[in-house]
Each structure stands twice: as C-alpha cells, then as structure tokens.
C-alpha cells in the first residue's frame, strides 16, 4: 500500500463511516507510525478528505429565564448570583 491507498482509507473513514476527526487523526497517526517505524518507509503527501471537528455551542439561559432565576433569590445569594452573571463567569470558572 502506498500514499494513494492510505488517502483512500482515511477518506473512507471520514465520508462513509462518518467518524469523528479525532478517530481519523488517530488512524492517520497509527499508519504514519507503522510506515516510519515498523516498515521503515516514508509516507507523505496524504491528500485525504478530513473529518470535520464538531463545534459544541454552550447552553445559555434566555433573558426571561435569568430574570426568573434571579427573582427567586434575595440577600447575599442574589448579590453573588448577580455578580457572577454580570461578570460572564461560567460554571467552572
């Protein structure tokens, strides 16, 4: 197998098998390791169709949900929640 077969295999993973980009990258790295370290052959110029990385959008509250949430609080808890919300901090910050 040469560059063309490796490219076809990686394209098959992305298009037909619909794998994640990390899975395709792992397969590419495994094949490069096999060729370079085990078979002692150089493999380069792989022109495979790459899988797209999924973009995860954060889940946010609507304006009405925030108003209802803050409306249920009072005192120090309300002050802390308003500060956190106003600063744009997320859960793990």
PDB file of N, CA and C in Angstrom:
ATOM      1  N   UNK A   1       0.837  -1.183   0.000  1.00  0.00           N
ATOM      2  CA  UNK A   1       0.000   0.000   0.000  1.00  0.00           C
ATOM      3  C   UNK A   1       0.880   1.244   0.000  1.00  0.00           C
ATOM      4  N   UNK A   2       0.426   2.239  -0.677  1.00  0.00           N
ATOM      5  CA  UNK A   2       1.164   3.488  -0.763  1.00  0.00           C
ATOM      6  C   UNK A   2       0.317   4.655  -0.314  1.00  0.00           C
ATOM      7  N   UNK A   3       0.744   5.849  -0.705  1.00  0.00           N
ATOM      8  CA  UNK A   3       0.044   7.069  -0.303  1.00  0.00           C
ATOM      9  C   UNK A   3      -1.405   7.088  -0.783  1.00  0.00           C
ATOM     10  N   UNK A   4      -1.639   6.616  -1.985  1.00  0.00           N
ATOM     11  CA  UNK A   4      -2.992   6.658  -2.544  1.00  0.00           C
ATOM     12  C   UNK A   4      -3.956   5.784  -1.747  1.00  0.00           C
ATOM     13  N   UNK A   5      -3.520   4.593  -1.379  1.00  0.00           N
ATOM     14  CA  UNK A   5      -4.395   3.692  -0.609  1.00  0.00           C
ATOM     15  C   UNK A   5      -4.658   4.235   0.793  1.00  0.00           C
ATOM     16  N   UNK A   6      -3.629   4.819   1.394  1.00  0.00           N
ATOM     17  CA  UNK A   6      -3.804   5.413   2.725  1.00  0.00           C
ATOM     18  C   UNK A   6      -4.778   6.578   2.637  1.00  0.00           C
ATOM     19  N   UNK A   7      -4.641   7.415   1.617  1.00  0.00           N
ATOM     20  CA  UNK A   7      -5.561   8.542   1.431  1.00  0.00           C
ATOM     21  C   UNK A   7      -6.987   8.054   1.222  1.00  0.00           C
ATOM     22  N   UNK A   8      -7.158   7.014   0.416  1.00  0.00           N
ATOM     23  CA  UNK A   8      -8.498   6.469   0.180  1.00  0.00           C
ATOM     24  C   UNK A   8      -9.104   5.899   1.459  1.00  0.00           C
ATOM     25  N   UNK A   9      -8.280   5.229   2.271  1.00  0.00           N
ATOM     26  CA  UNK A   9      -8.774   4.665   3.523  1.00  0.00           C
ATOM     27  C   UNK A   9      -9.212   5.773   4.479  1.00  0.00           C
ATOM     28  N   UNK A  10      -8.400   6.810   4.626  1.00  0.00           N
ATOM     29  CA  UNK A  10      -8.744   7.907   5.535  1.00  0.00           C
ATOM     30  C   UNK A  10      -9.978   8.669   5.034  1.00  0.00           C
ATOM     31  N   UNK A  11     -10.094   8.832   3.717  1.00  0.00           N
ATOM     32  CA  UNK A  11     -11.286   9.459   3.149  1.00  0.00           C
ATOM     33  C   UNK A  11     -12.517   8.596   3.411  1.00  0.00           C
ATOM     34  N   UNK A  12     -12.359   7.280   3.278  1.00  0.00           N
ATOM     35  CA  UNK A  12     -13.456   6.347   3.566  1.00  0.00           C
ATOM     36  C   UNK A  12     -13.926   6.502   5.015  1.00  0.00           C
ATOM     37  N   UNK A  13     -12.985   6.654   5.941  1.00  0.00           N
ATOM     38  CA  UNK A  13     -13.361   6.837   7.351  1.00  0.00           C
ATOM     39  C   UNK A  13     -14.192   8.095   7.538  1.00  0.00           C
ATOM     40  N   UNK A  14     -13.773   9.185   6.897  1.00  0.00           N
ATOM     41  CA  UNK A  14     -14.455  10.466   7.083  1.00  0.00           C
ATOM     42  C   UNK A  14     -15.803  10.509   6.373  1.00  0.00           C
ATOM     43  N   UNK A  15     -15.867   9.974   5.160  1.00  0.00           N
ATOM     44  CA  UNK A  15     -17.071  10.123   4.347  1.00  0.00           C
ATOM     45  C   UNK A  15     -18.070   8.996   4.593  1.00  0.00           C
ATOM     46  N   UNK A  16     -17.629   7.758   4.453  1.00  0.00           N
ATOM     47  CA  UNK A  16     -18.558   6.619   4.536  1.00  0.00           C
ATOM     48  C   UNK A  16     -18.846   6.183   5.964  1.00  0.00           C
ATOM     49  N   UNK A  17     -17.832   6.188   6.802  1.00  0.00           N
ATOM     50  CA  UNK A  17     -18.018   5.724   8.174  1.00  0.00           C
ATOM     51  C   UNK A  17     -18.418   6.852   9.116  1.00  0.00           C
ATOM     52  N   UNK A  18     -18.280   8.092   8.669  1.00  0.00           N
ATOM     53  CA  UNK A  18     -18.666   9.288   9.433  1.00  0.00           C
ATOM     54  C   UNK A  18     -18.054   9.299  10.835  1.00  0.00           C
ATOM     55  N   UNK A  19     -16.744   9.043  10.912  1.00  0.00           N
ATOM     56  CA  UNK A  19     -16.065   9.025  12.205  1.00  0.00           C
ATOM     57  C   UNK A  19     -15.726  10.443  12.648  1.00  0.00           C
ATOM     58  N   UNK A  20     -15.440  10.596  13.919  1.00  0.00           N
ATOM     59  CA  UNK A  20     -15.031  11.882  14.462  1.00  0.00           C
ATOM     60  C   UNK A  20     -13.635  12.228  13.957  1.00  0.00           C
ATOM     61  N   UNK A  21     -13.317  13.512  13.982  1.00  0.00           N
ATOM     62  CA  UNK A  21     -12.000  13.940  13.500  1.00  0.00           C
ATOM     63  C   UNK A  21     -10.882  13.332  14.330  1.00  0.00           C
ATOM     64  N   UNK A  22     -11.111  13.152  15.626  1.00  0.00           N
ATOM     65  CA  UNK A  22     -10.073  12.559  16.477  1.00  0.00           C
ATOM     66  C   UNK A  22      -9.816  11.099  16.104  1.00  0.00           C
ATOM     67  N   UNK A  23     -10.857  10.377  15.684  1.00  0.00           N
ATOM     68  CA  UNK A  23     -10.698   8.986  15.253  1.00  0.00           C
ATOM     69  C   UNK A  23      -9.887   8.916  13.963  1.00  0.00           C
ATOM     70  N   UNK A  24     -10.194   9.806  13.036  1.00  0.00           N
ATOM     71  CA  UNK A  24      -9.448   9.835  11.781  1.00  0.00           C
ATOM     72  C   UNK A  24      -7.988  10.229  12.032  1.00  0.00           C
ATOM     73  N   UNK A  25      -7.762  11.186  12.909  1.00  0.00           N
ATOM     74  CA  UNK A  25      -6.390  11.586  13.240  1.00  0.00           C
ATOM     75  C   UNK A  25      -5.625  10.443  13.894  1.00  0.00           C
ATOM     76  N   UNK A  26      -6.288   9.682  14.744  1.00  0.00           N
ATOM     77  CA  UNK A  26      -5.639   8.540  15.385  1.00  0.00           C
ATOM     78  C   UNK A  26      -5.263   7.485  14.348  1.00  0.00           C
ATOM     79  N   UNK A  27      -6.146   7.231  13.390  1.00  0.00           N
ATOM     80  CA  UNK A  27      -5.843   6.274  12.325  1.00  0.00           C
ATOM     81  C   UNK A  27      -4.668   6.766  11.479  1.00  0.00           C
ATOM     82  N   UNK A  28      -4.646   8.048  11.166  1.00  0.00           N
ATOM     83  CA  UNK A  28      -3.538   8.628  10.402  1.00  0.00           C
ATOM     84  C   UNK A  28      -2.223   8.483  11.158  1.00  0.00           C
ATOM     85  N   UNK A  29      -2.230   8.810  12.440  1.00  0.00           N
ATOM     86  CA  UNK A  29      -1.009   8.712  13.245  1.00  0.00           C
ATOM     87  C   UNK A  29      -0.534   7.269  13.369  1.00  0.00           C
ATOM     88  N   UNK A  30      -1.462   6.332  13.479  1.00  0.00           N
ATOM     89  CA  UNK A  30      -1.098   4.917  13.554  1.00  0.00           C
ATOM     90  C   UNK A  30      -0.460   4.455  12.248  1.00  0.00           C
ATOM     91  N   UNK A  31      -1.017   4.879  11.125  1.00  0.00           N
ATOM     92  CA  UNK A  31      -0.454   4.499   9.826  1.00  0.00           C
ATOM     93  C   UNK A  31       0.919   5.128   9.600  1.00  0.00           C
ATOM     94  N   UNK A  32       1.071   6.389   9.995  1.00  0.00           N
ATOM     95  CA  UNK A  32       2.381   7.044   9.862  1.00  0.00           C
ATOM     96  C   UNK A  32       3.411   6.333  10.729  1.00  0.00           C
ATOM     97  N   UNK A  33       3.041   5.952  11.948  1.00  0.00           N
ATOM     98  CA  UNK A  33       3.949   5.218  12.819  1.00  0.00           C
ATOM     99  C   UNK A  33       4.320   3.876  12.197  1.00  0.00           C
ATOM    100  N   UNK A  34       3.322   3.164  11.671  1.00  0.00           N
ATOM    101  CA  UNK A  34       3.571   1.869  11.038  1.00  0.00           C
ATOM    102  C   UNK A  34       4.569   2.008   9.893  1.00  0.00           C
ATOM    103  N   UNK A  35       4.340   2.960   9.022  1.00  0.00           N
ATOM    104  CA  UNK A  35       5.213   3.119   7.868  1.00  0.00           C
ATOM    105  C   UNK A  35       6.620   3.572   8.268  1.00  0.00           C
ATOM    106  N   UNK A  36       6.712   4.543   9.173  1.00  0.00           N
ATOM    107  CA  UNK A  36       8.036   5.093   9.513  1.00  0.00           C
ATOM    108  C   UNK A  36       8.842   4.178  10.426  1.00  0.00           C
ATOM    109  N   UNK A  37       8.229   3.665  11.470  1.00  0.00           N
ATOM    110  CA  UNK A  37       8.982   2.932  12.491  1.00  0.00           C
ATOM    111  C   UNK A  37       9.067   1.427  12.229  1.00  0.00           C
ATOM    112  N   UNK A  38       8.011   0.846  11.696  1.00  0.00           N
ATOM    113  CA  UNK A  38       7.981  -0.607  11.517  1.00  0.00           C
ATOM    114  C   UNK A  38       8.454  -0.998  10.121  1.00  0.00           C
ATOM    115  N   UNK A  39       7.879  -0.382   9.107  1.00  0.00           N
ATOM    116  CA  UNK A  39       8.215  -0.739   7.728  1.00  0.00           C
ATOM    117  C   UNK A  39       9.416   0.030   7.193  1.00  0.00           C
ATOM    118  N   UNK A  40       9.841   1.055   7.928  1.00  0.00           N
ATOM    119  CA  UNK A  40      10.972   1.902   7.543  1.00  0.00           C
ATOM    120  C   UNK A  40      10.770   2.489   6.144  1.00  0.00           C
ATOM    121  N   UNK A  41       9.550   2.973   5.910  1.00  0.00           N
ATOM    122  CA  UNK A  41       9.205   3.624   4.654  1.00  0.00           C
ATOM    123  C   UNK A  41       8.680   5.014   4.971  1.00  0.00           C
ATOM    124  N   UNK A  42       8.927   5.945   4.079  1.00  0.00           N
ATOM    125  CA  UNK A  42       8.437   7.307   4.280  1.00  0.00           C
ATOM    126  C   UNK A  42       7.083   7.444   3.600  1.00  0.00           C
ATOM    127  N   UNK A  43       6.136   8.043   4.286  1.00  0.00           N
ATOM    128  CA  UNK A  43       4.809   8.283   3.726  1.00  0.00           C
ATOM    129  C   UNK A  43       4.502   9.758   3.913  1.00  0.00           C
ATOM    130  N   UNK A  44       4.224  10.446   2.827  1.00  0.00           N
ATOM    131  CA  UNK A  44       3.902  11.865   2.908  1.00  0.00           C
ATOM    132  C   UNK A  44       3.005  12.237   1.727  1.00  0.00           C
ATOM    133  N   UNK A  45       2.489  13.421   1.775  1.00  0.00           N
ATOM    134  CA  UNK A  45       1.607  13.886   0.717  1.00  0.00           C
ATOM    135  C   UNK A  45       0.247  13.220   0.732  1.00  0.00           C
ATOM    136  N   UNK A  46      -0.264  12.949   1.929  1.00  0.00           N
ATOM    137  CA  UNK A  46      -1.578  12.312   2.045  1.00  0.00           C
ATOM    138  C   UNK A  46      -2.644  13.379   1.833  1.00  0.00           C
ATOM    139  N   UNK A  47      -3.431  13.196   0.800  1.00  0.00           N
ATOM    140  CA  UNK A  47      -4.459  14.183   0.460  1.00  0.00           C
ATOM    141  C   UNK A  47      -5.848  13.662   0.745  1.00  0.00           C
ATOM    142  N   UNK A  48      -6.074  13.174   1.939  1.00  0.00           N
ATOM    143  CA  UNK A  48      -7.376  12.594   2.289  1.00  0.00           C
ATOM    144  C   UNK A  48      -8.368  13.691   2.655  1.00  0.00           C
ATOM    145  N   UNK A  49      -9.634  13.389   2.432  1.00  0.00           N
ATOM    146  CA  UNK A  49     -10.711  14.266   2.878  1.00  0.00           C
ATOM    147  C   UNK A  49     -10.779  14.159   4.400  1.00  0.00           C
ATOM    148  N   UNK A  50     -10.673  15.290   5.098  1.00  0.00           N
ATOM    149  CA  UNK A  50     -10.599  15.267   6.557  1.00  0.00           C
ATOM    150  C   UNK A  50     -11.981  15.370   7.180  1.00  0.00           C
ATOM    151  N   UNK A  51     -12.157  14.655   8.285  1.00  0.00           N
ATOM    152  CA  UNK A  51     -13.405  14.740   9.048  1.00  0.00           C
ATOM    153  C   UNK A  51     -13.471  16.098   9.724  1.00  0.00           C
ATOM    154  N   UNK A  52     -14.661  16.646   9.819  1.00  0.00           N
ATOM    155  CA  UNK A  52     -14.824  17.958  10.442  1.00  0.00           C
ATOM    156  C   UNK A  52     -15.012  17.811  11.939  1.00  0.00           C
ATOM    157  N   UNK A  53     -14.356  18.673  12.666  1.00  0.00           N
ATOM    158  CA  UNK A  53     -14.473  18.679  14.121  1.00  0.00           C
ATOM    159  C   UNK A  53     -15.816  19.282  14.518  1.00  0.00           C
ATOM    160  N   UNK A  54     -16.525  18.590  15.370  1.00  0.00           N
ATOM    161  CA  UNK A  54     -17.823  19.072  15.832  1.00  0.00           C
ATOM    162  C   UNK A  54     -17.629  20.287  16.731  1.00  0.00           C
ATOM    163  N   UNK A  55     -18.409  21.311  16.467  1.00  0.00           N
ATOM    164  CA  UNK A  55     -18.335  22.504  17.292  1.00  0.00           C
ATOM    165  C   UNK A  55     -19.450  22.454  18.321  1.00  0.00           C
ATOM    166  N   UNK A  56     -19.081  22.524  19.577  1.00  0.00           N
ATOM    167  CA  UNK A  56     -20.064  22.462  20.649  1.00  0.00           C
ATOM    168  C   UNK A  56     -20.373  23.877  21.122  1.00  0.00           C
ATOM    169  N   UNK A  57     -21.617  24.248  21.000  1.00  0.00           N
ATOM    170  CA  UNK A  57     -22.044  25.559  21.466  1.00  0.00           C
ATOM    171  C   UNK A  57     -22.478  25.460  22.925  1.00  0.00           C
ATOM    172  N   UNK A  58     -22.154  26.466  23.712  1.00  0.00           N
ATOM    173  CA  UNK A  58     -22.561  26.419  25.120  1.00  0.00           C
ATOM    174  C   UNK A  58     -24.072  26.582  25.265  1.00  0.00           C
ATOM    175  N   UNK A  59     -24.607  25.995  26.316  1.00  0.00           N
ATOM    176  CA  UNK A  59     -26.019  26.141  26.634  1.00  0.00           C
ATOM    177  C   UNK A  59     -26.178  27.372  27.509  1.00  0.00           C
ATOM    178  N   UNK A  60     -27.023  28.290  27.082  1.00  0.00           N
ATOM    179  CA  UNK A  60     -27.212  29.532  27.831  1.00  0.00           C
ATOM    180  C   UNK A  60     -28.688  29.710  28.164  1.00  0.00           C
ATOM    181  N   UNK A  61     -28.945  30.503  29.185  1.00  0.00           N
ATOM    182  CA  UNK A  61     -30.310  30.812  29.586  1.00  0.00           C
ATOM    183  C   UNK A  61     -30.821  32.010  28.790  1.00  0.00           C
ATOM    184  N   UNK A  62     -32.104  32.030  28.547  1.00  0.00           N
ATOM    185  CA  UNK A  62     -32.704  33.196  27.890  1.00  0.00           C
ATOM    186  C   UNK A  62     -32.816  34.330  28.916  1.00  0.00           C
ATOM    187  N   UNK A  63     -33.128  35.519  28.430  1.00  0.00           N
ATOM    188  CA  UNK A  63     -33.258  36.676  29.320  1.00  0.00           C
ATOM    189  C   UNK A  63     -34.374  36.468  30.342  1.00  0.00           C
ATOM    190  N   UNK A  64     -35.491  35.904  29.893  1.00  0.00           N
ATOM    191  CA  UNK A  64     -36.607  35.650  30.812  1.00  0.00           C
ATOM    192  C   UNK A  64     -36.240  34.613  31.867  1.00  0.00           C
ATOM    193  N   UNK A  65     -35.499  33.574  31.476  1.00  0.00           N
ATOM    194  CA  UNK A  65     -35.070  32.551  32.430  1.00  0.00           C
ATOM    195  C   UNK A  65     -34.144  33.137  33.484  1.00  0.00           C
ATOM    196  N   UNK A  66     -33.255  34.028  33.073  1.00  0.00           N
ATOM    197  CA  UNK A  66     -32.345  34.678  34.029  1.00  0.00           C
ATOM    198  C   UNK A  66     -33.132  35.549  34.998  1.00  0.00           C
ATOM    199  N   UNK A  67     -34.110  36.295  34.486  1.00  0.00           N
ATOM    200  CA  UNK A  67     -34.931  37.145  35.358  1.00  0.00           C
ATOM    201  C   UNK A  67     -35.697  36.314  36.381  1.00  0.00           C
ATOM    202  N   UNK A  68     -36.268  35.188  35.931  1.00  0.00           N
ATOM    203  CA  UNK A  68     -36.994  34.307  36.862  1.00  0.00           C
ATOM    204  C   UNK A  68     -36.054  33.703  37.887  1.00  0.00           C
ATOM    205  N   UNK A  69     -34.880  33.294  37.444  1.00  0.00           N
ATOM    206  CA  UNK A  69     -33.894  32.686  38.343  1.00  0.00           C
ATOM    207  C   UNK A  69     -33.444  33.679  39.414  1.00  0.00           C
ATOM    208  N   UNK A  70     -33.094  34.894  38.998  1.00  0.00           N
ATOM    209  CA  UNK A  70     -32.651  35.904  39.961  1.00  0.00           C
ATOM    210  C   UNK A  70     -33.813  36.397  40.822  1.00  0.00           C
ATOM    211  N   UNK A  71     -35.031  36.324  40.298  1.00  0.00           N
ATOM    212  CA  UNK A  71     -36.207  36.749  41.066  1.00  0.00           C
ATOM    213  C   UNK A  71     -36.513  35.835  42.236  1.00  0.00           C
ATOM    214  N   UNK A  72     -36.008  34.623  42.210  1.00  0.00           N
ATOM    215  CA  UNK A  72     -36.236  33.664  43.299  1.00  0.00           C
ATOM    216  C   UNK A  72     -35.234  33.836  44.437  1.00  0.00           C
ATOM    217  N   UNK A  73     -34.285  34.732  44.287  1.00  0.00           N
ATOM    218  CA  UNK A  73     -33.228  34.894  45.290  1.00  0.00           C
ATOM    219  C   UNK A  73     -33.380  36.206  46.032  1.00  0.00           C
ATOM    220  N   UNK A  74     -32.680  36.253  47.163  1.00  0.00           N
ATOM    221  CA  UNK A  74     -32.651  37.505  47.928  1.00  0.00           C
ATOM    222  C   UNK A  74     -31.374  37.542  48.762  1.00  0.00           C
ATOM    223  N   UNK A  75     -31.044  38.728  49.239  1.00  0.00           N
ATOM    224  CA  UNK A  75     -29.900  38.894  50.136  1.00  0.00           C
ATOM    225  C   UNK A  75     -28.559  38.618  49.469  1.00  0.00           C
ATOM    226  N   UNK A  76     -27.681  37.963  50.235  1.00  0.00           N
ATOM    227  CA  UNK A  76     -26.314  37.670  49.781  1.00  0.00           C
ATOM    228  C   UNK A  76     -26.308  36.772  48.548  1.00  0.00           C
ATOM    229  N   UNK A  77     -27.210  35.795  48.501  1.00  0.00           N
ATOM    230  CA  UNK A  77     -27.266  34.884  47.348  1.00  0.00           C
ATOM    231  C   UNK A  77     -27.579  35.653  46.067  1.00  0.00           C
ATOM    232  N   UNK A  78     -28.495  36.607  46.148  1.00  0.00           N
ATOM    233  CA  UNK A  78     -28.839  37.419  44.987  1.00  0.00           C
ATOM    234  C   UNK A  78     -27.641  38.249  44.542  1.00  0.00           C
ATOM    235  N   UNK A  79     -26.953  38.848  45.504  1.00  0.00           N
ATOM    236  CA  UNK A  79     -25.771  39.651  45.193  1.00  0.00           C
ATOM    237  C   UNK A  79     -24.695  38.801  44.511  1.00  0.00           C
ATOM    238  N   UNK A  80     -24.427  37.608  45.042  1.00  0.00           N
ATOM    239  CA  UNK A  80     -23.422  36.724  44.452  1.00  0.00           C
ATOM    240  C   UNK A  80     -23.826  36.287  43.042  1.00  0.00           C
ATOM    241  N   UNK A  81     -25.100  35.928  42.863  1.00  0.00           N
ATOM    242  CA  UNK A  81     -25.571  35.476  41.550  1.00  0.00           C
ATOM    243  C   UNK A  81     -25.491  36.603  40.524  1.00  0.00           C
ATOM    244  N   UNK A  82     -25.851  37.823  40.932  1.00  0.00           N
ATOM    245  CA  UNK A  82     -25.771  38.968  40.009  1.00  0.00           C
ATOM    246  C   UNK A  82     -24.333  39.274  39.633  1.00  0.00           C
ATOM    247  N   UNK A  83     -23.435  39.177  40.599  1.00  0.00           N
ATOM    248  CA  UNK A  83     -22.013  39.405  40.296  1.00  0.00           C
ATOM    249  C   UNK A  83     -21.479  38.359  39.318  1.00  0.00           C
ATOM    250  N   UNK A  84     -21.791  37.093  39.579  1.00  0.00           N
ATOM    251  CA  UNK A  84     -21.322  36.031  38.691  1.00  0.00           C
ATOM    252  C   UNK A  84     -21.910  36.180  37.294  1.00  0.00           C
ATOM    253  N   UNK A  85     -23.207  36.458  37.220  1.00  0.00           N
ATOM    254  CA  UNK A  85     -23.855  36.604  35.927  1.00  0.00           C
ATOM    255  C   UNK A  85     -23.340  37.845  35.194  1.00  0.00           C
ATOM    256  N   UNK A  86     -23.199  38.938  35.912  1.00  0.00           N
ATOM    257  CA  UNK A  86     -22.747  40.189  35.313  1.00  0.00           C
ATOM    258  C   UNK A  86     -21.312  40.129  34.799  1.00  0.00           C
ATOM    259  N   UNK A  87     -20.494  39.316  35.438  1.00  0.00           N
ATOM    260  CA  UNK A  87     -19.096  39.168  35.009  1.00  0.00           C
ATOM    261  C   UNK A  87     -18.948  38.172  33.869  1.00  0.00           C
ATOM    262  N   UNK A  88     -20.004  37.431  33.565  1.00  0.00           N
ATOM    263  CA  UNK A  88     -19.954  36.464  32.478  1.00  0.00           C
ATOM    264  C   UNK A  88     -19.189  35.186  32.826  1.00  0.00           C
ATOM    265  N   UNK A  89     -19.089  34.896  34.123  1.00  0.00           N
ATOM    266  CA  UNK A  89     -18.376  33.690  34.535  1.00  0.00           C
ATOM    267  C   UNK A  89     -19.171  32.446  34.204  1.00  0.00           C
ATOM    268  N   UNK A  90     -18.448  31.388  33.896  1.00  0.00           N
ATOM    269  CA  UNK A  90     -19.095  30.107  33.609  1.00  0.00           C
ATOM    270  C   UNK A  90     -18.980  29.203  34.831  1.00  0.00           C
ATOM    271  N   UNK A  91     -19.570  28.033  34.741  1.00  0.00           N
ATOM    272  CA  UNK A  91     -19.686  27.127  35.863  1.00  0.00           C
ATOM    273  C   UNK A  91     -18.331  26.789  36.488  1.00  0.00           C
ATOM    274  N   UNK A  92     -17.323  26.497  35.692  1.00  0.00           N
ATOM    275  CA  UNK A  92     -16.041  26.028  36.225  1.00  0.00           C
ATOM    276  C   UNK A  92     -15.043  27.148  36.456  1.00  0.00           C
ATOM    277  N   UNK A  93     -15.470  28.396  36.315  1.00  0.00           N
ATOM    278  CA  UNK A  93     -14.536  29.494  36.498  1.00  0.00           C
ATOM    279  C   UNK A  93     -14.583  29.930  37.938  1.00  0.00           C
TER     280      UNK A  93
END
